[in-house]
Each structure stands twice: as C-alpha cells, then as structure tokens.
Amino acid sequence: MAILRSNEIWEMEIEEIQEKLIELKVELNKTVSKGAAAGVIDNPGQVKELKRTIARVLTIMSQKQKEN
C-alpha cells in the first residue's frame, strides 16, 4: 500500500478515511507478525512509515470531525 500524504487524506470523506485506516492497520499487523515469525523484515522502515501514516490519518480524521 502506498503511504498517504496529508493533502490526499484531507481530500477524502470520513468514510473513506476510516476504510484506509482499517487497511493500514491490517497491513501493519501483517508486517509485524511476518517479522516476528521469520525474524527478519524485508523493509524495516515500512513499520515506522505505517505507524506514522496511521497517526496522520487519525489526526486528520479527528480534525475533520471537529469541523462538522
């Protein structure tokens, strides 16, 4: 999954943001569990980027909900 940028998230509706959030969390869980099982992660920076993107999505989603 591609990492979402702030302006891309702002253009989405809240329902779309919630769907992306679920997708990101599933991908993070898969990546972490694969690393735990194999002991080696293909791209170690991917976990950090996924966590940052999830935080970005949650922040923008709460800001959008406050606006409405």
Protein backbone atom coordinates (compact mmCIF):
# COMPACT_ATOMS: atom_id res chain seq x y z
CA MET A 1 0.00 0.00 0.00
CA ALA A 2 1.19 3.45 -0.82
CA ILE A 3 1.83 5.85 2.03
CA LEU A 4 -0.83 8.57 2.18
CA ARG A 5 0.15 12.20 2.33
CA SER A 6 -1.75 14.84 4.29
CA ASN A 7 -3.29 16.55 1.29
CA GLU A 8 -4.56 13.20 -0.04
CA ILE A 9 -6.23 12.45 3.29
CA TRP A 10 -7.83 15.91 3.52
CA GLU A 11 -9.48 15.36 0.12
CA MET A 12 -11.18 12.14 1.29
CA GLU A 13 -14.54 11.78 3.02
CA ILE A 14 -14.59 10.48 6.59
CA GLU A 15 -15.93 7.07 5.46
CA GLU A 16 -13.04 6.69 3.01
CA ILE A 17 -10.56 7.67 5.71
CA GLN A 18 -11.97 5.04 8.06
CA GLU A 19 -11.61 2.36 5.34
CA LYS A 20 -7.98 3.37 4.70
CA LEU A 21 -7.29 3.30 8.42
CA ILE A 22 -8.51 -0.29 8.63
CA GLU A 23 -6.37 -1.25 5.61
CA LEU A 24 -3.30 0.38 7.15
CA LYS A 25 -3.80 -1.37 10.49
CA VAL A 26 -4.21 -4.74 8.77
CA GLU A 27 -1.05 -4.16 6.76
CA LEU A 28 0.86 -3.14 9.90
CA ASN A 29 -0.28 -6.27 11.70
CA LYS A 30 0.77 -8.47 8.78
CA THR A 31 4.17 -6.82 8.56
CA VAL A 32 4.85 -7.08 12.28
CA SER A 33 3.68 -10.68 12.52
CA LYS A 34 5.73 -11.66 9.47
CA GLY A 35 8.79 -10.13 11.10
CA ALA A 36 8.10 -11.90 14.37
CA ALA A 37 7.66 -15.26 12.64
CA ALA A 38 10.62 -15.01 10.29
CA GLY A 39 12.84 -12.90 12.49
CA VAL A 40 13.72 -10.65 9.56
CA ILE A 41 11.63 -7.89 7.99
CA ASP A 42 12.15 -7.18 4.29
CA ASN A 43 11.88 -3.44 4.76
CA PRO A 44 12.37 -2.35 8.38
CA GLY A 45 11.43 1.25 7.58
CA GLN A 46 7.99 0.11 6.46
CA VAL A 47 6.78 -0.44 10.02
CA LYS A 48 7.79 3.08 11.02
CA GLU A 49 6.12 4.60 7.95
CA LEU A 50 2.92 2.64 8.55
CA LYS A 51 2.77 3.83 12.15
CA ARG A 52 3.33 7.43 11.08
CA THR A 53 0.67 7.18 8.40
CA ILE A 54 -1.83 5.72 10.87
CA ALA A 55 -1.12 8.59 13.26
CA ARG A 56 -1.51 11.11 10.42
CA VAL A 57 -4.84 9.57 9.40
CA LEU A 58 -6.16 9.59 12.98
CA THR A 59 -5.12 13.22 13.48
CA ILE A 60 -6.74 14.46 10.29
CA MET A 61 -9.86 12.39 10.90
CA SER A 62 -10.34 13.94 14.35
CA GLN A 63 -9.79 17.43 12.92
CA LYS A 64 -12.37 16.80 10.19
CA GLN A 65 -14.88 15.52 12.75
CA LYS A 66 -14.41 18.66 14.86
CA GLU A 67 -15.16 20.81 11.81
CA ASN A 68 -18.54 19.14 11.26
